[in-house]
Amino acid sequence: MRRFTTACTVLALGASLLVGGLAPGAAATAAPGAVTALRAPTPPSSVPDLDAPGPARTVEFPPDGRVRSSPGHVSIQAPEYTRIVRVDPWCSGMSCPVSIASEGSSAGFSLQSNNWVWSRPFRVDVVATDDAPMAGGRFTGTLTLEGVVVEWTVNITEGTPGAFGGYVSNVPGGGGARVRFVDPDLNAAAAGFVDKDVITSVDGRPVTSAASLNAALADKRAGTAVPVGITRNGTQMTLQYRVDE
């Protein structure tokens, strides 16, 4: 009898094997030609809290210890307003190529063995996107294994409305918001704003006055990065601004 304690271990059909993740001494057997019945994976037991912006959090899909008699594929759909940044199938002893969509909305990996056991959790690292609603909320994604779908949920925390890190005044005729002072300790200074800059847009939204600048930034979560159009000494340019609180 061969013993395996690593994830996704290749099994010899017809042999009794010790499987990592099962209780010590427990064995799993598979008769030649056996077909494993489909069963939904176990949903994650915890719901991570995601700040936007904020660090990635890990979601674990618990193993079921079942023998699969053919190669498998796992497809993962991220919840709305989130992005998948890493997938760890905890695979050992066989090839398990992982792919993540460029925008992080989906991911997947293949388990390229005729006989394997899901003995350790699949791990998915996910972050909230900057465009998450200010109110936050719960959002649901899916994991699909062997055509069986299980839902998984994240909680996006409530955001803090953004504001400009300094003082501005109106430009006559609705020409924008003129910078009068920039706090050197805030993000506005780090973004490169200086006295007399005229702010004309935020993330493509026109700015015609100090009030419209405040409204545009208040719709953004503090800490999110947005392009801000300005005019400086008659020259138009764009600054990348991580919005202040």
Protein backbone atom coordinates (compact mmCIF):
# COMPACT_ATOMS: atom_id res chain seq x y z
CA MET A 1 0.00 0.00 0.00
CA ARG A 2 1.35 3.38 -0.97
CA ARG A 3 0.69 6.34 1.35
CA PHE A 4 0.07 9.87 0.16
CA THR A 5 -0.53 12.90 2.40
CA THR A 6 -0.26 15.67 -0.21
CA ALA A 7 -3.03 17.37 -2.16
CA CYS A 8 -4.53 16.01 -5.38
CA THR A 9 -2.60 12.69 -5.08
CA VAL A 10 -2.64 10.33 -8.04
CA LEU A 11 -4.25 7.04 -7.00
CA ALA A 12 -3.87 3.56 -8.47
CA LEU A 13 -7.36 2.19 -9.08
CA GLY A 14 -8.18 -0.86 -7.05
CA ALA A 15 -5.66 -0.05 -4.31
CA SER A 16 -6.52 1.05 -0.80
CA LEU A 17 -4.74 4.35 -0.10
CA LEU A 18 -4.36 6.63 2.89
CA VAL A 19 -5.54 10.10 1.87
CA GLY A 20 -4.29 13.43 3.29
CA GLY A 21 -7.13 15.30 4.96
CA LEU A 22 -8.91 12.16 6.20
CA ALA A 23 -8.68 10.90 9.75
CA PRO A 24 -5.50 8.88 10.43
CA GLY A 25 -5.94 5.29 9.34
CA ALA A 26 -8.91 6.05 7.11
CA ALA A 27 -8.65 4.58 3.61
CA ALA A 28 -10.22 5.36 0.25
CA THR A 29 -10.69 2.67 -2.44
CA ALA A 30 -11.83 2.83 -6.03
CA ALA A 31 -12.75 -0.24 -8.07
CA PRO A 32 -11.49 -0.39 -11.69
CA GLY A 33 -13.88 1.49 -13.96
CA ALA A 34 -15.74 3.04 -11.02
CA VAL A 35 -17.44 6.40 -11.64
CA THR A 36 -17.63 8.81 -8.73
CA ALA A 37 -21.12 10.25 -8.24
CA LEU A 38 -21.35 14.02 -8.53
CA ARG A 39 -21.64 15.87 -5.26
CA ALA A 40 -21.54 19.59 -4.64
CA PRO A 41 -18.32 20.87 -3.07
CA THR A 42 -18.67 22.22 0.45
CA PRO A 43 -19.15 26.02 0.50
CA PRO A 44 -16.52 28.03 2.38
CA SER A 45 -17.34 28.29 6.07
CA SER A 46 -16.35 31.96 6.40
CA VAL A 47 -17.29 35.17 4.58
CA PRO A 48 -14.27 37.48 4.26
CA ASP A 49 -14.59 41.24 4.75
CA LEU A 50 -13.05 43.20 1.87
CA ASP A 51 -12.11 46.86 2.01
CA ALA A 52 -12.13 48.83 -1.24
CA PRO A 53 -9.35 49.57 -1.75
CA GLY A 54 -7.73 47.02 0.51
CA PRO A 55 -5.62 43.85 0.74
CA ALA A 56 -6.52 40.49 -0.72
CA ARG A 57 -8.36 37.97 1.43
CA THR A 58 -8.26 34.19 1.05
CA VAL A 59 -11.33 32.02 0.54
CA GLU A 60 -10.86 28.28 1.16
CA PHE A 61 -13.04 25.59 -0.39
CA PRO A 62 -12.91 22.55 1.95
CA PRO A 63 -11.97 19.16 0.43
CA ASP A 64 -14.37 16.25 0.32
CA GLY A 65 -11.78 13.41 0.29
CA ARG A 66 -13.46 11.74 -2.68
CA VAL A 67 -11.71 9.73 -5.38
CA ARG A 68 -12.18 11.13 -8.89
CA SER A 69 -11.60 8.58 -11.65
CA SER A 70 -10.94 11.05 -14.48
CA PRO A 71 -9.26 14.43 -15.02
CA GLY A 72 -11.22 17.39 -13.68
CA HIS A 73 -11.53 21.12 -14.20
CA VAL A 74 -12.43 23.81 -11.68
CA SER A 75 -14.01 27.07 -12.90
CA ILE A 76 -14.27 30.06 -10.58
CA GLN A 77 -16.39 33.18 -11.09
CA ALA A 78 -15.54 36.17 -8.89
CA PRO A 79 -18.35 37.99 -7.06
CA GLU A 80 -19.36 41.36 -8.49
CA TYR A 81 -17.00 44.21 -7.56
CA THR A 82 -14.16 41.79 -6.80
CA ARG A 83 -11.10 40.55 -8.64
CA ILE A 84 -9.32 37.21 -8.33
CA VAL A 85 -5.57 37.75 -7.89
CA ARG A 86 -4.34 34.25 -7.01
CA VAL A 87 -5.53 30.65 -7.11
CA ASP A 88 -3.77 27.85 -5.22
CA PRO A 89 -5.12 24.34 -5.95
CA TRP A 90 -2.60 22.85 -3.48
CA CYS A 91 -1.72 20.37 -6.15
CA SER A 92 1.08 17.84 -5.88
CA GLY A 93 2.08 14.85 -7.95
CA MET A 94 0.39 15.97 -11.17
CA SER A 95 0.06 18.94 -13.48
CA CYS A 96 -2.54 21.54 -12.40
CA PRO A 97 -2.22 24.57 -14.70
CA VAL A 98 -4.00 27.69 -13.40
CA SER A 99 -5.35 30.56 -15.51
CA ILE A 100 -6.77 33.89 -14.33
CA ALA A 101 -8.61 36.29 -16.65
CA SER A 102 -6.74 39.55 -17.24
CA GLU A 103 -9.37 41.56 -15.34
CA GLY A 104 -9.63 38.93 -12.59
CA SER A 105 -13.34 38.25 -13.09
CA SER A 106 -12.81 34.50 -13.50
CA ALA A 107 -10.20 31.80 -13.08
CA GLY A 108 -9.79 28.08 -13.49
CA PHE A 109 -7.42 25.16 -13.23
CA SER A 110 -7.24 21.62 -14.58
CA LEU A 111 -6.44 18.48 -12.61
CA GLN A 112 -4.64 16.39 -15.21
CA SER A 113 -4.78 12.89 -13.78
CA ASN A 114 -7.12 9.97 -14.34
CA ASN A 115 -7.33 9.24 -10.62
CA TRP A 116 -7.01 11.83 -7.89
CA VAL A 117 -8.34 12.75 -4.46
CA TRP A 118 -9.44 16.22 -3.36
CA SER A 119 -7.67 16.09 -0.01
CA ARG A 120 -6.72 19.73 0.73
CA PRO A 121 -8.59 23.02 0.28
CA PHE A 122 -8.61 24.99 -2.95
CA ARG A 123 -7.57 28.57 -2.11
CA VAL A 124 -8.68 31.71 -3.91
CA ASP A 125 -7.30 35.19 -3.11
CA VAL A 126 -9.68 38.02 -3.98
CA VAL A 127 -9.71 41.82 -3.64
CA ALA A 128 -12.52 44.36 -3.84
CA THR A 129 -12.39 46.69 -6.84
CA ASP A 130 -12.28 50.47 -6.56
CA ASP A 131 -15.73 50.83 -8.14
CA ALA A 132 -17.45 48.93 -5.30
CA PRO A 133 -20.59 50.77 -4.16
CA MET A 134 -20.11 53.18 -1.27
CA ALA A 135 -22.66 51.27 0.83
CA GLY A 136 -20.78 48.00 0.38
CA GLY A 137 -22.76 44.78 0.71
CA ARG A 138 -22.63 41.03 0.15
CA PHE A 139 -21.82 39.65 -3.29
CA THR A 140 -21.75 36.08 -4.56
CA GLY A 141 -19.52 34.14 -6.94
CA THR A 142 -19.44 30.49 -8.01
CA LEU A 143 -17.07 27.54 -8.13
CA THR A 144 -17.86 24.73 -10.57
CA LEU A 145 -16.34 21.25 -10.30
CA GLU A 146 -17.48 18.38 -12.55
CA GLY A 147 -20.49 20.44 -13.61
CA VAL A 148 -21.63 20.94 -10.02
CA VAL A 149 -21.87 24.56 -8.82
CA VAL A 150 -21.35 25.92 -5.33
CA GLU A 151 -21.75 29.57 -4.36
CA TRP A 152 -19.29 31.59 -2.31
CA THR A 153 -19.82 35.01 -0.76
CA VAL A 154 -17.75 38.04 0.23
CA ASN A 155 -18.71 41.08 2.25
CA ILE A 156 -17.48 44.46 0.94
CA THR A 157 -17.28 46.98 3.75
CA GLU A 158 -18.86 50.42 3.66
CA GLY A 159 -16.63 53.06 2.09
CA THR A 160 -15.60 56.56 3.19
CA PRO A 161 -16.53 59.33 0.71
CA GLY A 162 -13.56 61.02 -0.92
CA ALA A 163 -12.58 64.70 -0.73
CA PHE A 164 -9.85 66.93 -2.11
CA GLY A 165 -6.76 67.28 0.06
CA GLY A 166 -6.65 71.07 0.00
CA TYR A 167 -8.72 74.14 -0.82
CA VAL A 168 -10.27 75.16 -4.15
CA SER A 169 -12.35 78.04 -5.47
CA ASN A 170 -14.64 78.55 -8.45
CA VAL A 171 -13.32 79.55 -11.85
CA PRO A 172 -15.61 82.21 -13.38
CA GLY A 173 -17.94 81.01 -16.11
CA GLY A 174 -17.99 77.39 -14.95
CA GLY A 175 -14.41 76.79 -16.01
CA GLY A 176 -13.53 74.41 -13.19
CA ALA A 177 -12.14 74.44 -9.65
CA ARG A 178 -8.92 76.39 -9.01
CA VAL A 179 -6.47 74.99 -6.48
CA ARG A 180 -5.62 77.52 -3.77
CA PHE A 181 -3.78 75.32 -1.28
CA VAL A 182 -2.61 71.69 -1.11
CA ASP A 183 -1.97 70.00 2.22
CA PRO A 184 1.60 68.67 1.95
CA ASP A 185 0.77 65.67 4.13
CA LEU A 186 -2.13 64.38 2.00
CA ASN A 187 -2.49 62.44 -1.23
CA ALA A 188 -3.26 65.56 -3.29
CA ALA A 189 0.31 66.78 -2.78
CA ALA A 190 1.72 63.34 -3.61
CA ALA A 191 -0.33 63.32 -6.85
CA GLY A 192 1.36 66.56 -7.90
CA PHE A 193 -1.34 69.21 -7.48
CA VAL A 194 0.03 72.72 -7.01
CA ASP A 195 -1.35 76.18 -6.40
CA LYS A 196 -3.27 77.68 -9.35
CA ASP A 197 -3.96 74.32 -11.07
CA VAL A 198 -7.49 74.31 -12.54
CA ILE A 199 -9.29 70.97 -12.09
CA THR A 200 -11.58 70.29 -15.06
CA SER A 201 -12.55 66.60 -14.68
CA VAL A 202 -12.53 63.62 -12.33
CA ASP A 203 -12.47 60.16 -13.90
CA GLY A 204 -13.95 61.65 -17.09
CA ARG A 205 -16.69 63.53 -15.25
CA PRO A 206 -16.60 67.29 -16.00
CA VAL A 207 -15.78 69.64 -13.13
CA THR A 208 -17.24 73.15 -13.50
CA SER A 209 -16.92 74.47 -9.95
CA ALA A 210 -15.67 73.70 -6.45
CA ALA A 211 -19.08 72.18 -5.64
CA SER A 212 -18.98 69.86 -8.65
CA LEU A 213 -15.43 68.76 -7.70
CA ASN A 214 -16.61 67.94 -4.18
CA ALA A 215 -19.57 65.99 -5.56
CA ALA A 216 -17.40 64.03 -7.99
CA LEU A 217 -14.92 63.04 -5.28
CA ALA A 218 -17.64 62.25 -2.73
CA ASP A 219 -18.88 59.58 -5.15
CA LYS A 220 -15.48 57.87 -4.96
CA ARG A 221 -14.23 55.78 -2.09
CA ALA A 222 -11.37 57.42 -0.24
CA GLY A 223 -8.14 55.72 -1.23
CA THR A 224 -9.21 54.81 -4.77
CA ALA A 225 -7.03 56.02 -7.64
CA VAL A 226 -8.70 58.19 -10.29
CA PRO A 227 -7.46 60.26 -13.24
CA VAL A 228 -7.98 64.00 -12.70
CA GLY A 229 -7.81 66.39 -15.64
CA ILE A 230 -6.20 69.76 -14.94
CA THR A 231 -5.01 72.85 -16.76
CA ARG A 232 -1.64 74.23 -15.64
CA ASN A 233 -0.27 77.42 -17.19
CA GLY A 234 -2.50 76.84 -20.20
CA THR A 235 -1.41 73.21 -20.67
CA GLN A 236 -3.84 70.34 -20.21
CA MET A 237 -2.61 67.26 -18.36
CA THR A 238 -3.83 64.36 -16.24
CA LEU A 239 -2.78 63.51 -12.68
CA GLN A 240 -3.34 60.13 -11.06
CA TYR A 241 -4.89 60.90 -7.69
CA ARG A 242 -5.53 58.53 -4.80
CA VAL A 243 -8.53 60.29 -3.32
CA ASP A 244 -8.17 61.77 0.18
CA GLU A 245 -10.75 61.30 2.92
